[in-house]
Amino acid sequence: MFRSATSKDKARDAAAKRPAAPSILSVDLRITGDIVSEGEVHISGTVKGDVIAKKITIDEGGAVIGAIETESAQIAGALTGRLTAATVTLGTTARVVADITHVSLTIEQGAVFEGYSRRVDAIGHEEATLPLALPPNVTAIVGGKSVAQDAEAVPASS
């Protein structure tokens, strides 16, 4: 009686340690809604919603319209929205119209990227990475004209 409970617990623990198979959303699948996974998600279909997973791959022909949060993103398809990831790779067939917050970003030749890229030291610490003053060898441009840098910081309204 006690022995079978112990065997079940061991089997459950072994399954929890083993990495789960990736979730694959095939070409003919269209999802409207959010996706949350603790593992890997491959998207070949279309998702209109936010996606949160440990690793996300958007295959060529796949598309996401929404926000993505992940540790690692491989984009070969289309993304419209926002992407937050430690490592991002935009493949040659990627079509991305999004703001990307990343630690590492690779854009392969042929990829299309329209939006803002923001490098951070670690995901979750975005607010501390912007410089408060221009380096000494950089000239500020205000209203289309270069301005001598007398002050340490450039006003936010410029």
N, C-alpha and C. Protein backbone atom coordinates (compact mmCIF):
# COMPACT_ATOMS: atom_id res chain seq x y z
N MET A 1 0.82 -1.18 0.00
CA MET A 1 0.00 0.00 0.00
C MET A 1 0.87 1.25 0.00
N PHE A 2 1.81 1.37 0.93
CA PHE A 2 2.69 2.52 0.96
C PHE A 2 3.70 2.48 -0.19
N ARG A 3 4.00 1.28 -0.63
CA ARG A 3 4.98 1.11 -1.68
C ARG A 3 4.49 1.70 -3.01
N SER A 4 3.21 1.51 -3.36
CA SER A 4 2.70 2.04 -4.62
C SER A 4 2.65 3.57 -4.62
N ALA A 5 2.37 4.17 -3.47
CA ALA A 5 2.34 5.63 -3.38
C ALA A 5 3.75 6.19 -3.62
N THR A 6 4.75 5.51 -3.09
CA THR A 6 6.13 5.94 -3.29
C THR A 6 6.52 5.80 -4.75
N SER A 7 6.11 4.75 -5.41
CA SER A 7 6.42 4.55 -6.83
C SER A 7 5.76 5.63 -7.69
N LYS A 8 4.53 5.99 -7.36
CA LYS A 8 3.84 7.05 -8.10
C LYS A 8 4.55 8.39 -7.91
N ASP A 9 4.98 8.67 -6.69
CA ASP A 9 5.70 9.91 -6.43
C ASP A 9 7.01 9.96 -7.21
N LYS A 10 7.73 8.86 -7.26
CA LYS A 10 8.98 8.80 -8.00
C LYS A 10 8.74 9.01 -9.49
N ALA A 11 7.69 8.41 -10.02
CA ALA A 11 7.37 8.56 -11.44
C ALA A 11 6.99 10.01 -11.75
N ARG A 12 6.23 10.64 -10.86
CA ARG A 12 5.83 12.03 -11.04
C ARG A 12 7.06 12.94 -10.98
N ASP A 13 7.97 12.70 -10.04
CA ASP A 13 9.19 13.49 -9.92
C ASP A 13 10.07 13.33 -11.16
N ALA A 14 10.18 12.13 -11.68
CA ALA A 14 10.99 11.89 -12.89
C ALA A 14 10.38 12.62 -14.09
N ALA A 15 9.07 12.62 -14.19
CA ALA A 15 8.40 13.31 -15.30
C ALA A 15 8.58 14.82 -15.18
N ALA A 16 8.59 15.34 -13.97
CA ALA A 16 8.76 16.78 -13.77
C ALA A 16 10.17 17.23 -14.13
N LYS A 17 11.18 16.39 -13.93
CA LYS A 17 12.56 16.72 -14.25
C LYS A 17 12.83 16.63 -15.75
N ARG A 18 12.10 15.80 -16.45
CA ARG A 18 12.31 15.60 -17.88
C ARG A 18 11.72 16.78 -18.64
N PRO A 19 12.47 17.36 -19.61
CA PRO A 19 11.92 18.49 -20.36
C PRO A 19 10.72 18.04 -21.20
N ALA A 20 9.72 18.90 -21.23
CA ALA A 20 8.51 18.59 -22.00
C ALA A 20 8.80 18.75 -23.48
N ALA A 21 8.07 18.03 -24.29
CA ALA A 21 8.18 18.17 -25.74
C ALA A 21 7.66 19.55 -26.13
N PRO A 22 8.21 20.14 -27.20
CA PRO A 22 7.72 21.46 -27.61
C PRO A 22 6.26 21.40 -28.04
N SER A 23 5.54 22.46 -27.77
CA SER A 23 4.17 22.59 -28.26
C SER A 23 4.25 23.15 -29.67
N ILE A 24 3.60 22.49 -30.61
CA ILE A 24 3.68 22.89 -32.01
C ILE A 24 2.29 23.32 -32.48
N LEU A 25 2.20 24.56 -32.94
CA LEU A 25 0.96 25.08 -33.49
C LEU A 25 1.11 25.02 -35.01
N SER A 26 0.42 24.11 -35.64
CA SER A 26 0.63 23.84 -37.06
C SER A 26 0.10 24.95 -37.97
N VAL A 27 0.43 24.85 -39.25
CA VAL A 27 0.13 25.87 -40.25
C VAL A 27 -1.36 26.19 -40.32
N ASP A 28 -2.21 25.20 -40.19
CA ASP A 28 -3.65 25.42 -40.35
C ASP A 28 -4.34 25.85 -39.05
N LEU A 29 -3.58 26.09 -37.99
CA LEU A 29 -4.16 26.45 -36.70
C LEU A 29 -4.16 27.96 -36.51
N ARG A 30 -5.32 28.51 -36.15
CA ARG A 30 -5.46 29.94 -35.85
C ARG A 30 -6.00 30.07 -34.44
N ILE A 31 -5.28 30.83 -33.63
CA ILE A 31 -5.66 31.00 -32.23
C ILE A 31 -5.91 32.47 -31.97
N THR A 32 -7.04 32.77 -31.34
CA THR A 32 -7.32 34.11 -30.85
C THR A 32 -7.38 33.99 -29.34
N GLY A 33 -6.35 34.51 -28.69
CA GLY A 33 -6.24 34.39 -27.24
C GLY A 33 -4.78 34.25 -26.86
N ASP A 34 -4.53 34.22 -25.58
CA ASP A 34 -3.16 34.17 -25.07
C ASP A 34 -2.68 32.73 -24.92
N ILE A 35 -1.36 32.54 -25.05
CA ILE A 35 -0.74 31.24 -24.86
C ILE A 35 0.30 31.38 -23.76
N VAL A 36 0.26 30.48 -22.78
CA VAL A 36 1.23 30.47 -21.69
C VAL A 36 1.77 29.06 -21.57
N SER A 37 3.11 28.95 -21.60
CA SER A 37 3.76 27.65 -21.48
C SER A 37 5.04 27.80 -20.68
N GLU A 38 5.39 26.78 -19.92
CA GLU A 38 6.66 26.79 -19.20
C GLU A 38 7.77 26.19 -20.04
N GLY A 39 7.42 25.73 -21.24
CA GLY A 39 8.40 25.09 -22.11
C GLY A 39 8.59 25.84 -23.41
N GLU A 40 8.72 25.07 -24.47
CA GLU A 40 9.01 25.60 -25.80
C GLU A 40 7.76 25.58 -26.67
N VAL A 41 7.57 26.66 -27.45
CA VAL A 41 6.42 26.76 -28.34
C VAL A 41 6.90 27.07 -29.75
N HIS A 42 6.47 26.25 -30.73
CA HIS A 42 6.75 26.49 -32.15
C HIS A 42 5.45 26.94 -32.80
N ILE A 43 5.49 28.08 -33.47
CA ILE A 43 4.29 28.62 -34.09
C ILE A 43 4.46 28.62 -35.60
N SER A 44 3.67 27.81 -36.27
CA SER A 44 3.63 27.80 -37.73
C SER A 44 2.32 28.38 -38.24
N GLY A 45 1.33 28.48 -37.35
CA GLY A 45 0.03 29.05 -37.68
C GLY A 45 -0.02 30.52 -37.30
N THR A 46 -1.22 30.99 -36.93
CA THR A 46 -1.42 32.40 -36.60
C THR A 46 -1.96 32.52 -35.18
N VAL A 47 -1.35 33.42 -34.41
CA VAL A 47 -1.80 33.69 -33.04
C VAL A 47 -2.11 35.18 -32.94
N LYS A 48 -3.34 35.50 -32.54
CA LYS A 48 -3.71 36.87 -32.23
C LYS A 48 -3.90 36.93 -30.72
N GLY A 49 -2.84 37.32 -30.05
CA GLY A 49 -2.84 37.35 -28.60
C GLY A 49 -1.41 37.33 -28.10
N ASP A 50 -1.24 37.34 -26.80
CA ASP A 50 0.09 37.36 -26.19
C ASP A 50 0.60 35.94 -26.00
N VAL A 51 1.93 35.77 -26.10
CA VAL A 51 2.55 34.46 -25.94
C VAL A 51 3.65 34.57 -24.90
N ILE A 52 3.58 33.71 -23.88
CA ILE A 52 4.61 33.65 -22.85
C ILE A 52 5.09 32.21 -22.79
N ALA A 53 6.41 32.02 -22.96
CA ALA A 53 6.99 30.68 -22.90
C ALA A 53 8.48 30.81 -22.66
N LYS A 54 9.11 29.69 -22.32
CA LYS A 54 10.56 29.70 -22.09
C LYS A 54 11.31 29.96 -23.40
N LYS A 55 10.88 29.29 -24.47
CA LYS A 55 11.49 29.48 -25.78
C LYS A 55 10.37 29.54 -26.82
N ILE A 56 10.48 30.51 -27.74
CA ILE A 56 9.46 30.66 -28.77
C ILE A 56 10.12 30.70 -30.13
N THR A 57 9.57 29.91 -31.05
CA THR A 57 10.01 29.90 -32.43
C THR A 57 8.81 30.21 -33.31
N ILE A 58 8.94 31.26 -34.13
CA ILE A 58 7.91 31.53 -35.14
C ILE A 58 8.50 31.10 -36.47
N ASP A 59 7.94 30.04 -37.01
CA ASP A 59 8.44 29.48 -38.26
C ASP A 59 8.06 30.35 -39.44
N GLU A 60 8.75 30.15 -40.57
CA GLU A 60 8.41 30.85 -41.80
C GLU A 60 6.96 30.53 -42.13
N GLY A 61 6.16 31.55 -42.37
CA GLY A 61 4.72 31.36 -42.59
C GLY A 61 3.89 31.52 -41.33
N GLY A 62 4.52 31.44 -40.17
CA GLY A 62 3.83 31.64 -38.91
C GLY A 62 3.73 33.12 -38.59
N ALA A 63 2.76 33.49 -37.73
CA ALA A 63 2.57 34.90 -37.40
C ALA A 63 2.02 35.05 -35.99
N VAL A 64 2.49 36.10 -35.32
CA VAL A 64 1.95 36.48 -34.01
C VAL A 64 1.63 37.97 -34.06
N ILE A 65 0.42 38.30 -33.64
CA ILE A 65 0.01 39.69 -33.48
C ILE A 65 -0.27 39.85 -31.99
N GLY A 66 0.67 40.47 -31.29
CA GLY A 66 0.56 40.61 -29.85
C GLY A 66 1.92 40.74 -29.22
N ALA A 67 1.98 40.53 -27.92
CA ALA A 67 3.23 40.65 -27.17
C ALA A 67 3.80 39.27 -26.89
N ILE A 68 5.13 39.18 -26.94
CA ILE A 68 5.83 37.93 -26.65
C ILE A 68 6.80 38.19 -25.51
N GLU A 69 6.79 37.30 -24.51
CA GLU A 69 7.76 37.33 -23.42
C GLU A 69 8.39 35.95 -23.33
N THR A 70 9.73 35.90 -23.43
CA THR A 70 10.42 34.63 -23.46
C THR A 70 11.88 34.80 -23.09
N GLU A 71 12.57 33.70 -22.84
CA GLU A 71 14.01 33.74 -22.64
C GLU A 71 14.72 33.79 -23.98
N SER A 72 14.21 33.02 -24.96
CA SER A 72 14.85 32.92 -26.26
C SER A 72 13.80 32.94 -27.36
N ALA A 73 14.01 33.82 -28.37
CA ALA A 73 13.07 33.92 -29.48
C ALA A 73 13.81 33.73 -30.80
N GLN A 74 13.30 32.83 -31.64
CA GLN A 74 13.80 32.61 -32.99
C GLN A 74 12.65 32.99 -33.91
N ILE A 75 12.82 34.05 -34.69
CA ILE A 75 11.74 34.54 -35.54
C ILE A 75 12.12 34.35 -37.00
N ALA A 76 11.34 33.55 -37.71
CA ALA A 76 11.51 33.39 -39.16
C ALA A 76 10.25 33.81 -39.89
N GLY A 77 9.17 34.03 -39.14
CA GLY A 77 7.88 34.43 -39.70
C GLY A 77 7.59 35.89 -39.40
N ALA A 78 6.33 36.19 -39.12
CA ALA A 78 5.89 37.57 -38.92
C ALA A 78 5.55 37.81 -37.45
N LEU A 79 5.92 38.98 -36.97
CA LEU A 79 5.58 39.42 -35.62
C LEU A 79 5.17 40.87 -35.69
N THR A 80 4.00 41.17 -35.13
CA THR A 80 3.53 42.55 -35.01
C THR A 80 3.17 42.76 -33.55
N GLY A 81 3.85 43.69 -32.88
CA GLY A 81 3.54 43.94 -31.48
C GLY A 81 4.75 44.31 -30.68
N ARG A 82 5.09 43.46 -29.71
CA ARG A 82 6.18 43.73 -28.78
C ARG A 82 6.87 42.42 -28.44
N LEU A 83 8.20 42.47 -28.29
CA LEU A 83 8.97 41.27 -27.96
C LEU A 83 9.94 41.60 -26.85
N THR A 84 9.90 40.80 -25.78
CA THR A 84 10.83 40.93 -24.67
C THR A 84 11.50 39.58 -24.48
N ALA A 85 12.83 39.54 -24.68
CA ALA A 85 13.55 38.27 -24.59
C ALA A 85 15.02 38.52 -24.30
N ALA A 86 15.65 37.56 -23.63
CA ALA A 86 17.08 37.66 -23.38
C ALA A 86 17.84 37.56 -24.71
N THR A 87 17.55 36.56 -25.51
CA THR A 87 18.20 36.41 -26.81
C THR A 87 17.15 36.39 -27.90
N VAL A 88 17.42 37.16 -28.96
CA VAL A 88 16.50 37.26 -30.09
C VAL A 88 17.29 37.05 -31.37
N THR A 89 16.77 36.20 -32.25
CA THR A 89 17.34 36.01 -33.57
C THR A 89 16.25 36.24 -34.59
N LEU A 90 16.47 37.21 -35.49
CA LEU A 90 15.56 37.45 -36.60
C LEU A 90 16.18 36.79 -37.83
N GLY A 91 15.55 35.71 -38.30
CA GLY A 91 16.06 34.97 -39.44
C GLY A 91 15.86 35.71 -40.75
N THR A 92 16.42 35.18 -41.82
CA THR A 92 16.38 35.85 -43.12
C THR A 92 14.97 36.08 -43.64
N THR A 93 14.00 35.27 -43.23
CA THR A 93 12.63 35.42 -43.71
C THR A 93 11.73 36.16 -42.72
N ALA A 94 12.31 36.69 -41.64
CA ALA A 94 11.53 37.38 -40.60
C ALA A 94 10.97 38.70 -41.11
N ARG A 95 9.75 39.00 -40.70
CA ARG A 95 9.08 40.27 -40.98
C ARG A 95 8.54 40.77 -39.65
N VAL A 96 9.26 41.70 -39.02
CA VAL A 96 8.95 42.11 -37.66
C VAL A 96 8.64 43.60 -37.62
N VAL A 97 7.45 43.93 -37.14
CA VAL A 97 7.05 45.30 -36.86
C VAL A 97 6.73 45.32 -35.38
N ALA A 98 7.76 45.62 -34.57
CA ALA A 98 7.61 45.48 -33.13
C ALA A 98 8.70 46.26 -32.41
N ASP A 99 8.46 46.51 -31.15
CA ASP A 99 9.49 47.05 -30.27
C ASP A 99 10.11 45.86 -29.55
N ILE A 100 11.45 45.79 -29.59
CA ILE A 100 12.15 44.64 -29.03
C ILE A 100 13.02 45.09 -27.87
N THR A 101 12.82 44.47 -26.71
CA THR A 101 13.68 44.66 -25.55
C THR A 101 14.47 43.36 -25.40
N HIS A 102 15.81 43.47 -25.37
CA HIS A 102 16.64 42.27 -25.43
C HIS A 102 17.96 42.46 -24.71
N VAL A 103 18.62 41.35 -24.42
CA VAL A 103 20.00 41.36 -23.95
C VAL A 103 20.91 41.17 -25.17
N SER A 104 20.51 40.27 -26.06
CA SER A 104 21.28 39.97 -27.27
C SER A 104 20.32 39.91 -28.46
N LEU A 105 20.68 40.61 -29.55
CA LEU A 105 19.86 40.64 -30.75
C LEU A 105 20.71 40.34 -31.97
N THR A 106 20.27 39.36 -32.78
CA THR A 106 20.92 39.03 -34.03
C THR A 106 19.91 39.21 -35.15
N ILE A 107 20.28 39.99 -36.16
CA ILE A 107 19.42 40.19 -37.32
C ILE A 107 20.16 39.68 -38.55
N GLU A 108 19.65 38.60 -39.13
CA GLU A 108 20.29 38.02 -40.30
C GLU A 108 19.96 38.84 -41.54
N GLN A 109 20.87 38.77 -42.51
CA GLN A 109 20.67 39.49 -43.76
C GLN A 109 19.38 39.02 -44.43
N GLY A 110 18.55 39.97 -44.85
CA GLY A 110 17.27 39.65 -45.47
C GLY A 110 16.09 39.84 -44.55
N ALA A 111 16.34 39.86 -43.24
CA ALA A 111 15.25 40.08 -42.28
C ALA A 111 14.76 41.52 -42.39
N VAL A 112 13.45 41.70 -42.16
CA VAL A 112 12.87 43.04 -42.15
C VAL A 112 12.48 43.35 -40.72
N PHE A 113 13.01 44.47 -40.18
CA PHE A 113 12.71 44.87 -38.82
C PHE A 113 12.35 46.36 -38.82
N GLU A 114 11.14 46.65 -38.36
CA GLU A 114 10.69 48.03 -38.24
C GLU A 114 10.17 48.21 -36.82
N GLY A 115 10.80 49.11 -36.10
CA GLY A 115 10.41 49.33 -34.72
C GLY A 115 11.60 49.81 -33.94
N TYR A 116 11.54 49.67 -32.62
CA TYR A 116 12.62 50.10 -31.75
C TYR A 116 13.27 48.89 -31.12
N SER A 117 14.59 48.97 -31.01
CA SER A 117 15.36 47.94 -30.33
C SER A 117 15.96 48.57 -29.08
N ARG A 118 15.80 47.88 -27.97
CA ARG A 118 16.34 48.40 -26.72
C ARG A 118 17.13 47.30 -26.02
N ARG A 119 18.45 47.50 -25.93
CA ARG A 119 19.30 46.53 -25.26
C ARG A 119 19.32 46.83 -23.77
N VAL A 120 19.22 45.78 -22.97
CA VAL A 120 19.29 45.91 -21.52
C VAL A 120 20.31 44.90 -21.00
N ASP A 121 20.78 45.11 -19.80
CA ASP A 121 21.74 44.18 -19.21
C ASP A 121 21.08 42.88 -18.78
N ALA A 122 19.83 42.98 -18.35
CA ALA A 122 19.07 41.80 -17.94
C ALA A 122 17.60 42.13 -18.09
N ILE A 123 16.82 41.15 -18.47
CA ILE A 123 15.39 41.35 -18.61
C ILE A 123 14.81 41.62 -17.22
N GLY A 124 13.98 42.66 -17.13
CA GLY A 124 13.40 43.04 -15.84
C GLY A 124 14.07 44.26 -15.24
N HIS A 125 15.20 44.71 -15.85
CA HIS A 125 15.91 45.88 -15.34
C HIS A 125 16.01 46.94 -16.43
N GLU A 126 14.98 47.08 -17.24
CA GLU A 126 15.01 47.97 -18.39
C GLU A 126 15.19 49.44 -18.02
N GLU A 127 14.58 49.89 -16.93
CA GLU A 127 14.56 51.30 -16.62
C GLU A 127 15.92 51.88 -16.25
N ALA A 128 16.87 51.08 -15.87
CA ALA A 128 18.16 51.60 -15.40
C ALA A 128 19.21 51.69 -16.49
N THR A 129 18.90 51.42 -17.75
CA THR A 129 19.95 51.32 -18.76
C THR A 129 20.13 52.56 -19.62
N LEU A 130 19.22 53.52 -19.59
CA LEU A 130 19.35 54.69 -20.44
C LEU A 130 20.33 55.69 -19.84
N PRO A 131 21.23 56.26 -20.65
CA PRO A 131 22.16 57.25 -20.11
C PRO A 131 21.42 58.54 -19.78
N LEU A 132 21.83 59.20 -18.70
CA LEU A 132 21.22 60.46 -18.30
C LEU A 132 21.90 61.64 -18.98
N ALA A 133 23.09 61.45 -19.49
CA ALA A 133 23.82 62.52 -20.17
C ALA A 133 24.49 61.95 -21.41
N LEU A 134 24.75 62.82 -22.38
CA LEU A 134 25.46 62.40 -23.57
C LEU A 134 26.94 62.24 -23.25
N PRO A 135 27.63 61.27 -23.86
CA PRO A 135 29.08 61.17 -23.68
C PRO A 135 29.74 62.45 -24.18
N PRO A 136 30.94 62.78 -23.73
CA PRO A 136 31.58 64.05 -24.08
C PRO A 136 31.84 64.23 -25.58
N ASN A 137 31.98 63.17 -26.34
CA ASN A 137 32.30 63.29 -27.75
C ASN A 137 31.07 63.29 -28.66
N VAL A 138 29.86 63.40 -28.09
CA VAL A 138 28.63 63.39 -28.86
C VAL A 138 28.00 64.78 -28.83
N THR A 139 27.61 65.28 -29.99
CA THR A 139 26.97 66.59 -30.09
C THR A 139 25.46 66.40 -30.15
N ALA A 140 24.74 67.13 -29.30
CA ALA A 140 23.28 67.04 -29.30
C ALA A 140 22.72 67.76 -30.52
N ILE A 141 21.63 67.26 -31.08
CA ILE A 141 20.95 67.90 -32.20
C ILE A 141 19.56 68.28 -31.73
N VAL A 142 19.28 69.58 -31.75
CA VAL A 142 17.99 70.09 -31.30
C VAL A 142 17.39 70.92 -32.43
N GLY A 143 16.21 70.56 -32.87
CA GLY A 143 15.55 71.29 -33.93
C GLY A 143 16.29 71.24 -35.25
N GLY A 144 17.03 70.16 -35.50
CA GLY A 144 17.74 69.99 -36.76
C GLY A 144 19.09 70.66 -36.79
N LYS A 145 19.53 71.34 -35.70
CA LYS A 145 20.82 72.02 -35.65
C LYS A 145 21.64 71.44 -34.51
N SER A 146 22.94 71.32 -34.74
CA SER A 146 23.79 70.82 -33.66
C SER A 146 23.95 71.92 -32.62
N VAL A 147 23.98 71.52 -31.36
CA VAL A 147 24.04 72.44 -30.24
C VAL A 147 25.28 72.10 -29.42
N ALA A 148 26.03 73.13 -29.04
CA ALA A 148 27.20 72.90 -28.18
C ALA A 148 26.73 72.34 -26.85
N GLN A 149 27.48 71.41 -26.34
CA GLN A 149 27.07 70.71 -25.12
C GLN A 149 27.73 71.37 -23.91
N ASP A 150 27.06 72.38 -23.34
CA ASP A 150 27.58 73.04 -22.15
C ASP A 150 27.12 72.33 -20.88
N ALA A 151 25.89 71.82 -20.92
CA ALA A 151 25.34 71.17 -19.75
C ALA A 151 25.64 69.68 -19.82
N GLU A 152 25.58 69.03 -18.66
CA GLU A 152 25.83 67.59 -18.60
C GLU A 152 24.70 66.78 -19.21
N ALA A 153 23.48 67.21 -19.05
CA ALA A 153 22.34 66.44 -19.53
C ALA A 153 21.57 67.22 -20.58
N VAL A 154 20.92 66.50 -21.46
CA VAL A 154 20.10 67.12 -22.48
C VAL A 154 18.66 67.12 -21.97
N PRO A 155 17.96 68.26 -22.02
CA PRO A 155 16.59 68.29 -21.52
C PRO A 155 15.70 67.30 -22.25
N ALA A 156 14.74 66.71 -21.55
CA ALA A 156 13.84 65.71 -22.13
C ALA A 156 12.98 66.28 -23.22
N SER A 157 12.71 67.59 -23.23
CA SER A 157 11.82 68.18 -24.23
C SER A 157 12.51 68.39 -25.56
N SER A 158 13.83 68.21 -25.65
CA SER A 158 14.54 68.44 -26.90
C SER A 158 14.45 67.31 -27.87
